[in-house]
Amino acid sequence: MDIGQWSPASRLSYNLIDAISRCTVQVYPKSWTALYMPLDNVGMWNVRSENWARQYLGQQFYLRVYSSANSWRDEYPIPLNALHCGKVVGL
């Protein structure tokens, strides 16, 4: 966490030795916070924002940890109208 704009050089200030474990982090105005999320099981993960203006509009971030095994009991397929980013755009 730091004040100002994040840049690739900001990675040098990450606390990789004794980082604390938290379920909730704060991002203050005009600042940034780096997150490490151990995604320890396959499926869909939901990262929610407490920015109510975005949350009530349904603007949340979903991340899928891929597995080649399909289990329709535990996970439904990604909806056709889902917005994609990164390497999955166009798939």
PDB file of N, CA and C in Angstrom:
ATOM      1  N   MET A   1       0.851  -1.162   0.000  1.00  0.00           N
ATOM      2  CA  MET A   1       0.000   0.000   0.000  1.00  0.00           C
ATOM      3  C   MET A   1       0.901   1.231   0.000  1.00  0.00           C
ATOM      4  N   ASP A   2       0.524   2.190  -0.819  1.00  0.00           N
ATOM      5  CA  ASP A   2       1.311   3.417  -0.876  1.00  0.00           C
ATOM      6  C   ASP A   2       0.440   4.531  -1.433  1.00  0.00           C
ATOM      7  N   ILE A   3       0.922   5.724  -1.306  1.00  0.00           N
ATOM      8  CA  ILE A   3       0.214   6.896  -1.820  1.00  0.00           C
ATOM      9  C   ILE A   3       0.646   7.134  -3.254  1.00  0.00           C
ATOM     10  N   GLY A   4      -0.262   7.642  -4.074  1.00  0.00           N
ATOM     11  CA  GLY A   4       0.073   8.007  -5.441  1.00  0.00           C
ATOM     12  C   GLY A   4      -0.276   6.929  -6.448  1.00  0.00           C
ATOM     13  N   GLN A   5       0.333   7.029  -7.595  1.00  0.00           N
ATOM     14  CA  GLN A   5       0.073   6.128  -8.724  1.00  0.00           C
ATOM     15  C   GLN A   5       0.959   4.889  -8.627  1.00  0.00           C
ATOM     16  N   TRP A   6       0.379   3.716  -8.894  1.00  0.00           N
ATOM     17  CA  TRP A   6       1.173   2.483  -8.922  1.00  0.00           C
ATOM     18  C   TRP A   6       1.987   2.439 -10.202  1.00  0.00           C
ATOM     19  N   SER A   7       3.194   1.896 -10.130  1.00  0.00           N
ATOM     20  CA  SER A   7       4.030   1.679 -11.310  1.00  0.00           C
ATOM     21  C   SER A   7       4.757   0.347 -11.128  1.00  0.00           C
ATOM     22  N   PRO A   8       5.334  -0.211 -12.193  1.00  0.00           N
ATOM     23  CA  PRO A   8       6.081  -1.464 -12.028  1.00  0.00           C
ATOM     24  C   PRO A   8       7.194  -1.365 -10.979  1.00  0.00           C
ATOM     25  N   ALA A   9       7.759  -0.186 -10.799  1.00  0.00           N
ATOM     26  CA  ALA A   9       8.797  -0.012  -9.776  1.00  0.00           C
ATOM     27  C   ALA A   9       8.232  -0.169  -8.364  1.00  0.00           C
ATOM     28  N   SER A  10       6.915  -0.044  -8.210  1.00  0.00           N
ATOM     29  CA  SER A  10       6.291  -0.201  -6.895  1.00  0.00           C
ATOM     30  C   SER A  10       6.446  -1.611  -6.353  1.00  0.00           C
ATOM     31  N   ARG A  11       6.683  -2.576  -7.232  1.00  0.00           N
ATOM     32  CA  ARG A  11       6.850  -3.962  -6.783  1.00  0.00           C
ATOM     33  C   ARG A  11       8.021  -4.116  -5.815  1.00  0.00           C
ATOM     34  N   LEU A  12       8.985  -3.218  -5.903  1.00  0.00           N
ATOM     35  CA  LEU A  12      10.149  -3.290  -5.018  1.00  0.00           C
ATOM     36  C   LEU A  12       9.783  -3.009  -3.564  1.00  0.00           C
ATOM     37  N   SER A  13       8.630  -2.383  -3.322  1.00  0.00           N
ATOM     38  CA  SER A  13       8.230  -2.054  -1.955  1.00  0.00           C
ATOM     39  C   SER A  13       7.266  -3.077  -1.357  1.00  0.00           C
ATOM     40  N   TYR A  14       6.948  -4.155  -2.066  1.00  0.00           N
ATOM     41  CA  TYR A  14       6.031  -5.171  -1.537  1.00  0.00           C
ATOM     42  C   TYR A  14       6.662  -5.873  -0.337  1.00  0.00           C
ATOM     43  N   ASN A  15       5.866  -6.140   0.666  1.00  0.00           N
ATOM     44  CA  ASN A  15       6.318  -6.876   1.844  1.00  0.00           C
ATOM     45  C   ASN A  15       6.124  -8.367   1.569  1.00  0.00           C
ATOM     46  N   LEU A  16       7.174  -9.039   1.145  1.00  0.00           N
ATOM     47  CA  LEU A  16       7.094 -10.459   0.805  1.00  0.00           C
ATOM     48  C   LEU A  16       7.588 -11.358   1.937  1.00  0.00           C
ATOM     49  N   ILE A  17       8.045 -10.785   3.025  1.00  0.00           N
ATOM     50  CA  ILE A  17       8.641 -11.579   4.098  1.00  0.00           C
ATOM     51  C   ILE A  17       7.635 -11.901   5.195  1.00  0.00           C
ATOM     52  N   ASP A  18       6.972 -10.898   5.732  1.00  0.00           N
ATOM     53  CA  ASP A  18       6.032 -11.138   6.828  1.00  0.00           C
ATOM     54  C   ASP A  18       4.701 -10.425   6.572  1.00  0.00           C
ATOM     55  N   ALA A  19       4.154 -10.666   5.410  1.00  0.00           N
ATOM     56  CA  ALA A  19       2.879 -10.037   5.047  1.00  0.00           C
ATOM     57  C   ALA A  19       1.769 -10.543   5.966  1.00  0.00           C
ATOM     58  N   ILE A  20       0.809  -9.691   6.235  1.00  0.00           N
ATOM     59  CA  ILE A  20      -0.297 -10.091   7.096  1.00  0.00           C
ATOM     60  C   ILE A  20      -1.399 -10.732   6.258  1.00  0.00           C
ATOM     61  N   SER A  21      -2.172 -11.580   6.894  1.00  0.00           N
ATOM     62  CA  SER A  21      -3.296 -12.243   6.227  1.00  0.00           C
ATOM     63  C   SER A  21      -4.574 -11.512   6.602  1.00  0.00           C
ATOM     64  N   ARG A  22      -5.339 -11.109   5.572  1.00  0.00           N
ATOM     65  CA  ARG A  22      -6.572 -10.364   5.827  1.00  0.00           C
ATOM     66  C   ARG A  22      -7.653 -10.798   4.864  1.00  0.00           C
ATOM     67  N   CYS A  23      -8.884 -10.667   5.300  1.00  0.00           N
ATOM     68  CA  CYS A  23     -10.031 -10.918   4.428  1.00  0.00           C
ATOM     69  C   CYS A  23     -10.494  -9.632   3.762  1.00  0.00           C
ATOM     70  N   THR A  24     -10.144  -8.501   4.347  1.00  0.00           N
ATOM     71  CA  THR A  24     -10.575  -7.203   3.843  1.00  0.00           C
ATOM     72  C   THR A  24      -9.376  -6.266   3.809  1.00  0.00           C
ATOM     73  N   VAL A  25      -9.232  -5.535   2.730  1.00  0.00           N
ATOM     74  CA  VAL A  25      -8.186  -4.519   2.640  1.00  0.00           C
ATOM     75  C   VAL A  25      -8.825  -3.199   2.234  1.00  0.00           C
ATOM     76  N   GLN A  26      -8.178  -2.126   2.585  1.00  0.00           N
ATOM     77  CA  GLN A  26      -8.674  -0.807   2.237  1.00  0.00           C
ATOM     78  C   GLN A  26      -7.782  -0.184   1.179  1.00  0.00           C
ATOM     79  N   VAL A  27      -8.409   0.575   0.311  1.00  0.00           N
ATOM     80  CA  VAL A  27      -7.682   1.386  -0.661  1.00  0.00           C
ATOM     81  C   VAL A  27      -8.140   2.820  -0.427  1.00  0.00           C
ATOM     82  N   TYR A  28      -7.235   3.628   0.054  1.00  0.00           N
ATOM     83  CA  TYR A  28      -7.564   5.004   0.378  1.00  0.00           C
ATOM     84  C   TYR A  28      -7.559   5.864  -0.880  1.00  0.00           C
ATOM     85  N   PRO A  29      -8.235   7.017  -0.846  1.00  0.00           N
ATOM     86  CA  PRO A  29      -8.248   7.899  -2.017  1.00  0.00           C
ATOM     87  C   PRO A  29      -6.829   8.272  -2.446  1.00  0.00           C
ATOM     88  N   LYS A  30      -6.611   8.270  -3.745  1.00  0.00           N
ATOM     89  CA  LYS A  30      -5.320   8.620  -4.351  1.00  0.00           C
ATOM     90  C   LYS A  30      -4.187   7.728  -3.832  1.00  0.00           C
ATOM     91  N   SER A  31      -4.484   6.443  -3.643  1.00  0.00           N
ATOM     92  CA  SER A  31      -3.475   5.491  -3.197  1.00  0.00           C
ATOM     93  C   SER A  31      -3.763   4.133  -3.828  1.00  0.00           C
ATOM     94  N   TRP A  32      -2.920   3.136  -3.551  1.00  0.00           N
ATOM     95  CA  TRP A  32      -3.101   1.803  -4.111  1.00  0.00           C
ATOM     96  C   TRP A  32      -2.742   0.762  -3.054  1.00  0.00           C
ATOM     97  N   THR A  33      -3.239  -0.438  -3.242  1.00  0.00           N
ATOM     98  CA  THR A  33      -2.958  -1.566  -2.362  1.00  0.00           C
ATOM     99  C   THR A  33      -2.708  -2.794  -3.217  1.00  0.00           C
ATOM    100  N   ALA A  34      -1.620  -3.500  -2.966  1.00  0.00           N
ATOM    101  CA  ALA A  34      -1.317  -4.746  -3.680  1.00  0.00           C
ATOM    102  C   ALA A  34      -1.895  -5.913  -2.889  1.00  0.00           C
ATOM    103  N   LEU A  35      -2.469  -6.876  -3.593  1.00  0.00           N
ATOM    104  CA  LEU A  35      -3.089  -8.042  -2.957  1.00  0.00           C
ATOM    105  C   LEU A  35      -2.413  -9.321  -3.415  1.00  0.00           C
ATOM    106  N   TYR A  36      -2.274 -10.257  -2.506  1.00  0.00           N
ATOM    107  CA  TYR A  36      -1.843 -11.613  -2.847  1.00  0.00           C
ATOM    108  C   TYR A  36      -2.982 -12.534  -2.446  1.00  0.00           C
ATOM    109  N   MET A  37      -3.517 -13.252  -3.414  1.00  0.00           N
ATOM    110  CA  MET A  37      -4.651 -14.135  -3.145  1.00  0.00           C
ATOM    111  C   MET A  37      -4.258 -15.573  -3.447  1.00  0.00           C
ATOM    112  N   PRO A  38      -4.097 -16.415  -2.420  1.00  0.00           N
ATOM    113  CA  PRO A  38      -3.836 -17.828  -2.696  1.00  0.00           C
ATOM    114  C   PRO A  38      -5.127 -18.503  -3.150  1.00  0.00           C
ATOM    115  N   LEU A  39      -5.190 -18.839  -4.405  1.00  0.00           N
ATOM    116  CA  LEU A  39      -6.377 -19.493  -4.967  1.00  0.00           C
ATOM    117  C   LEU A  39      -6.143 -20.996  -4.871  1.00  0.00           C
ATOM    118  N   ASP A  40      -6.561 -21.570  -3.743  1.00  0.00           N
ATOM    119  CA  ASP A  40      -6.177 -22.932  -3.416  1.00  0.00           C
ATOM    120  C   ASP A  40      -7.161 -24.008  -3.867  1.00  0.00           C
ATOM    121  N   ASN A  41      -8.182 -23.640  -4.604  1.00  0.00           N
ATOM    122  CA  ASN A  41      -9.047 -24.664  -5.176  1.00  0.00           C
ATOM    123  C   ASN A  41      -9.634 -24.153  -6.489  1.00  0.00           C
ATOM    124  N   VAL A  42     -10.014 -25.089  -7.333  1.00  0.00           N
ATOM    125  CA  VAL A  42     -10.538 -24.708  -8.640  1.00  0.00           C
ATOM    126  C   VAL A  42     -11.936 -24.136  -8.481  1.00  0.00           C
ATOM    127  N   GLY A  43     -12.376 -23.455  -9.502  1.00  0.00           N
ATOM    128  CA  GLY A  43     -13.715 -22.887  -9.490  1.00  0.00           C
ATOM    129  C   GLY A  43     -13.682 -21.385  -9.671  1.00  0.00           C
ATOM    130  N   MET A  44     -14.810 -20.762  -9.413  1.00  0.00           N
ATOM    131  CA  MET A  44     -14.991 -19.338  -9.616  1.00  0.00           C
ATOM    132  C   MET A  44     -14.782 -18.595  -8.301  1.00  0.00           C
ATOM    133  N   TRP A  45     -13.966 -17.570  -8.341  1.00  0.00           N
ATOM    134  CA  TRP A  45     -13.720 -16.718  -7.186  1.00  0.00           C
ATOM    135  C   TRP A  45     -14.323 -15.349  -7.470  1.00  0.00           C
ATOM    136  N   ASN A  46     -14.937 -14.765  -6.459  1.00  0.00           N
ATOM    137  CA  ASN A  46     -15.558 -13.455  -6.581  1.00  0.00           C
ATOM    138  C   ASN A  46     -14.800 -12.470  -5.705  1.00  0.00           C
ATOM    139  N   VAL A  47     -14.255 -11.422  -6.321  1.00  0.00           N
ATOM    140  CA  VAL A  47     -13.562 -10.367  -5.586  1.00  0.00           C
ATOM    141  C   VAL A  47     -14.498  -9.171  -5.583  1.00  0.00           C
ATOM    142  N   ARG A  48     -15.016  -8.841  -4.416  1.00  0.00           N
ATOM    143  CA  ARG A  48     -16.028  -7.792  -4.329  1.00  0.00           C
ATOM    144  C   ARG A  48     -15.423  -6.460  -3.918  1.00  0.00           C
ATOM    145  N   SER A  49     -16.104  -5.422  -4.326  1.00  0.00           N
ATOM    146  CA  SER A  49     -15.705  -4.063  -3.990  1.00  0.00           C
ATOM    147  C   SER A  49     -16.763  -3.449  -3.085  1.00  0.00           C
ATOM    148  N   GLU A  50     -16.325  -2.662  -2.135  1.00  0.00           N
ATOM    149  CA  GLU A  50     -17.267  -1.934  -1.292  1.00  0.00           C
ATOM    150  C   GLU A  50     -17.570  -0.555  -1.872  1.00  0.00           C
ATOM    151  N   ASN A  51     -17.211  -0.358  -3.118  1.00  0.00           N
ATOM    152  CA  ASN A  51     -17.587   0.861  -3.820  1.00  0.00           C
ATOM    153  C   ASN A  51     -19.037   0.673  -4.243  1.00  0.00           C
ATOM    154  N   TRP A  52     -19.963   1.154  -3.434  1.00  0.00           N
ATOM    155  CA  TRP A  52     -21.381   0.848  -3.640  1.00  0.00           C
ATOM    156  C   TRP A  52     -21.894   1.311  -4.988  1.00  0.00           C
ATOM    157  N   ALA A  53     -21.325   2.377  -5.521  1.00  0.00           N
ATOM    158  CA  ALA A  53     -21.776   2.847  -6.835  1.00  0.00           C
ATOM    159  C   ALA A  53     -21.529   1.784  -7.892  1.00  0.00           C
ATOM    160  N   ARG A  54     -20.472   1.010  -7.758  1.00  0.00           N
ATOM    161  CA  ARG A  54     -20.183  -0.057  -8.714  1.00  0.00           C
ATOM    162  C   ARG A  54     -20.870  -1.363  -8.330  1.00  0.00           C
ATOM    163  N   GLN A  55     -20.940  -1.656  -7.039  1.00  0.00           N
ATOM    164  CA  GLN A  55     -21.477  -2.940  -6.605  1.00  0.00           C
ATOM    165  C   GLN A  55     -22.962  -3.064  -6.941  1.00  0.00           C
ATOM    166  N   TYR A  56     -23.733  -2.010  -6.750  1.00  0.00           N
ATOM    167  CA  TYR A  56     -25.156  -2.143  -7.038  1.00  0.00           C
ATOM    168  C   TYR A  56     -25.405  -2.257  -8.536  1.00  0.00           C
ATOM    169  N   LEU A  57     -24.444  -1.838  -9.346  1.00  0.00           N
ATOM    170  CA  LEU A  57     -24.550  -2.009 -10.791  1.00  0.00           C
ATOM    171  C   LEU A  57     -24.114  -3.401 -11.232  1.00  0.00           C
ATOM    172  N   GLY A  58     -23.626  -4.201 -10.295  1.00  0.00           N
ATOM    173  CA  GLY A  58     -23.186  -5.546 -10.623  1.00  0.00           C
ATOM    174  C   GLY A  58     -21.770  -5.610 -11.147  1.00  0.00           C
ATOM    175  N   GLN A  59     -21.004  -4.540 -10.972  1.00  0.00           N
ATOM    176  CA  GLN A  59     -19.629  -4.522 -11.470  1.00  0.00           C
ATOM    177  C   GLN A  59     -18.713  -5.145 -10.421  1.00  0.00           C
ATOM    178  N   GLN A  60     -18.566  -6.451 -10.521  1.00  0.00           N
ATOM    179  CA  GLN A  60     -17.686  -7.189  -9.636  1.00  0.00           C
ATOM    180  C   GLN A  60     -16.710  -7.987 -10.481  1.00  0.00           C
ATOM    181  N   PHE A  61     -15.642  -8.415  -9.870  1.00  0.00           N
ATOM    182  CA  PHE A  61     -14.582  -9.131 -10.565  1.00  0.00           C
ATOM    183  C   PHE A  61     -14.672 -10.612 -10.218  1.00  0.00           C
ATOM    184  N   TYR A  62     -14.811 -11.449 -11.239  1.00  0.00           N
ATOM    185  CA  TYR A  62     -14.832 -12.898 -11.047  1.00  0.00           C
ATOM    186  C   TYR A  62     -13.593 -13.490 -11.688  1.00  0.00           C
ATOM    187  N   LEU A  63     -12.960 -14.397 -10.994  1.00  0.00           N
ATOM    188  CA  LEU A  63     -11.740 -15.033 -11.467  1.00  0.00           C
ATOM    189  C   LEU A  63     -11.945 -16.535 -11.409  1.00  0.00           C
ATOM    190  N   ARG A  64     -11.609 -17.227 -12.482  1.00  0.00           N
ATOM    191  CA  ARG A  64     -11.790 -18.675 -12.511  1.00  0.00           C
ATOM    192  C   ARG A  64     -10.433 -19.364 -12.458  1.00  0.00           C
ATOM    193  N   VAL A  65     -10.300 -20.302 -11.535  1.00  0.00           N
ATOM    194  CA  VAL A  65      -9.134 -21.179 -11.484  1.00  0.00           C
ATOM    195  C   VAL A  65      -9.510 -22.397 -12.299  1.00  0.00           C
ATOM    196  N   TYR A  66      -8.816 -22.599 -13.408  1.00  0.00           N
ATOM    197  CA  TYR A  66      -9.202 -23.603 -14.396  1.00  0.00           C
ATOM    198  C   TYR A  66      -8.809 -25.015 -13.975  1.00  0.00           C
ATOM    199  N   SER A  67      -9.680 -25.939 -14.299  1.00  0.00           N
ATOM    200  CA  SER A  67      -9.400 -27.364 -14.153  1.00  0.00           C
ATOM    201  C   SER A  67      -9.940 -28.048 -15.398  1.00  0.00           C
ATOM    202  N   SER A  68      -9.217 -29.033 -15.900  1.00  0.00           N
ATOM    203  CA  SER A  68      -9.687 -29.744 -17.094  1.00  0.00           C
ATOM    204  C   SER A  68     -10.860 -30.664 -16.780  1.00  0.00           C
ATOM    205  N   ALA A  69     -11.090 -30.963 -15.507  1.00  0.00           N
ATOM    206  CA  ALA A  69     -12.227 -31.806 -15.118  1.00  0.00           C
ATOM    207  C   ALA A  69     -13.470 -30.936 -14.987  1.00  0.00           C
ATOM    208  N   ASN A  70     -14.537 -31.319 -15.673  1.00  0.00           N
ATOM    209  CA  ASN A  70     -15.800 -30.584 -15.574  1.00  0.00           C
ATOM    210  C   ASN A  70     -16.670 -31.202 -14.490  1.00  0.00           C
ATOM    211  N   SER A  71     -17.091 -30.389 -13.537  1.00  0.00           N
ATOM    212  CA  SER A  71     -17.985 -30.836 -12.481  1.00  0.00           C
ATOM    213  C   SER A  71     -19.179 -29.897 -12.456  1.00  0.00           C
ATOM    214  N   TRP A  72     -20.252 -30.279 -13.138  1.00  0.00           N
ATOM    215  CA  TRP A  72     -21.434 -29.422 -13.190  1.00  0.00           C
ATOM    216  C   TRP A  72     -22.130 -29.379 -11.827  1.00  0.00           C
ATOM    217  N   ARG A  73     -21.769 -30.268 -10.924  1.00  0.00           N
ATOM    218  CA  ARG A  73     -22.317 -30.220  -9.577  1.00  0.00           C
ATOM    219  C   ARG A  73     -21.774 -29.010  -8.825  1.00  0.00           C
ATOM    220  N   ASP A  74     -20.485 -28.699  -9.037  1.00  0.00           N
ATOM    221  CA  ASP A  74     -19.825 -27.633  -8.280  1.00  0.00           C
ATOM    222  C   ASP A  74     -19.720 -26.304  -9.017  1.00  0.00           C
ATOM    223  N   GLU A  75     -19.749 -26.340 -10.343  1.00  0.00           N
ATOM    224  CA  GLU A  75     -19.503 -25.107 -11.097  1.00  0.00           C
ATOM    225  C   GLU A  75     -20.258 -25.134 -12.418  1.00  0.00           C
ATOM    226  N   TYR A  76     -21.047 -24.108 -12.641  1.00  0.00           N
ATOM    227  CA  TYR A  76     -21.746 -23.956 -13.913  1.00  0.00           C
ATOM    228  C   TYR A  76     -20.803 -23.339 -14.935  1.00  0.00           C
ATOM    229  N   PRO A  77     -21.058 -23.518 -16.225  1.00  0.00           N
ATOM    230  CA  PRO A  77     -20.201 -22.882 -17.227  1.00  0.00           C
ATOM    231  C   PRO A  77     -20.313 -21.355 -17.163  1.00  0.00           C
ATOM    232  N   ILE A  78     -19.289 -20.688 -17.652  1.00  0.00           N
ATOM    233  CA  ILE A  78     -19.293 -19.226 -17.682  1.00  0.00           C
ATOM    234  C   ILE A  78     -20.398 -18.767 -18.631  1.00  0.00           C
ATOM    235  N   PRO A  79     -21.232 -17.800 -18.229  1.00  0.00           N
ATOM    236  CA  PRO A  79     -22.315 -17.334 -19.098  1.00  0.00           C
ATOM    237  C   PRO A  79     -21.788 -16.777 -20.418  1.00  0.00           C
ATOM    238  N   LEU A  80     -22.566 -16.921 -21.463  1.00  0.00           N
ATOM    239  CA  LEU A  80     -22.149 -16.453 -22.786  1.00  0.00           C
ATOM    240  C   LEU A  80     -21.990 -14.938 -22.846  1.00  0.00           C
ATOM    241  N   ASN A  81     -22.709 -14.205 -21.995  1.00  0.00           N
ATOM    242  CA  ASN A  81     -22.634 -12.742 -22.026  1.00  0.00           C
ATOM    243  C   ASN A  81     -21.566 -12.180 -21.080  1.00  0.00           C
ATOM    244  N   ALA A  82     -20.702 -13.031 -20.516  1.00  0.00           N
ATOM    245  CA  ALA A  82     -19.647 -12.564 -19.613  1.00  0.00           C
ATOM    246  C   ALA A  82     -18.596 -11.784 -20.399  1.00  0.00           C
ATOM    247  N   LEU A  83     -18.096 -10.707 -19.801  1.00  0.00           N
ATOM    248  CA  LEU A  83     -17.022  -9.921 -20.405  1.00  0.00           C
ATOM    249  C   LEU A  83     -15.693 -10.583 -20.076  1.00  0.00           C
ATOM    250  N   HIS A  84     -14.829 -10.717 -21.065  1.00  0.00           N
ATOM    251  CA  HIS A  84     -13.533 -11.351 -20.874  1.00  0.00           C
ATOM    252  C   HIS A  84     -12.419 -10.317 -20.943  1.00  0.00           C
ATOM    253  N   CYS A  85     -11.308 -10.621 -20.290  1.00  0.00           N
ATOM    254  CA  CYS A  85     -10.144  -9.746 -20.366  1.00  0.00           C
ATOM    255  C   CYS A  85      -8.887 -10.601 -20.471  1.00  0.00           C
ATOM    256  N   GLY A  86      -7.794  -9.979 -20.845  1.00  0.00           N
ATOM    257  CA  GLY A  86      -6.519 -10.680 -20.930  1.00  0.00           C
ATOM    258  C   GLY A  86      -6.468 -11.692 -22.055  1.00  0.00           C
ATOM    259  N   LYS A  87      -5.887 -12.847 -21.774  1.00  0.00           N
ATOM    260  CA  LYS A  87      -5.661 -13.862 -22.795  1.00  0.00           C
ATOM    261  C   LYS A  87      -6.936 -14.542 -23.275  1.00  0.00           C
ATOM    262  N   VAL A  88      -8.023 -14.422 -22.531  1.00  0.00           N
ATOM    263  CA  VAL A  88      -9.250 -15.120 -22.927  1.00  0.00           C
ATOM    264  C   VAL A  88     -10.151 -14.289 -23.836  1.00  0.00           C
ATOM    265  N   VAL A  89      -9.764 -13.062 -24.146  1.00  0.00           N
ATOM    266  CA  VAL A  89     -10.566 -12.245 -25.063  1.00  0.00           C
ATOM    267  C   VAL A  89     -10.608 -12.931 -26.421  1.00  0.00           C
ATOM    268  N   GLY A  90     -11.797 -13.120 -26.936  1.00  0.00           N
ATOM    269  CA  GLY A  90     -11.963 -13.742 -28.248  1.00  0.00           C
ATOM    270  C   GLY A  90     -12.114 -15.253 -28.197  1.00  0.00           C
ATOM    271  N   LEU A  91     -12.015 -15.866 -27.022  1.00  0.00           N
ATOM    272  CA  LEU A  91     -12.192 -17.319 -26.920  1.00  0.00           C
ATOM    273  C   LEU A  91     -13.652 -17.684 -26.790  1.00  0.00           C
TER     274      LEU A  91
END
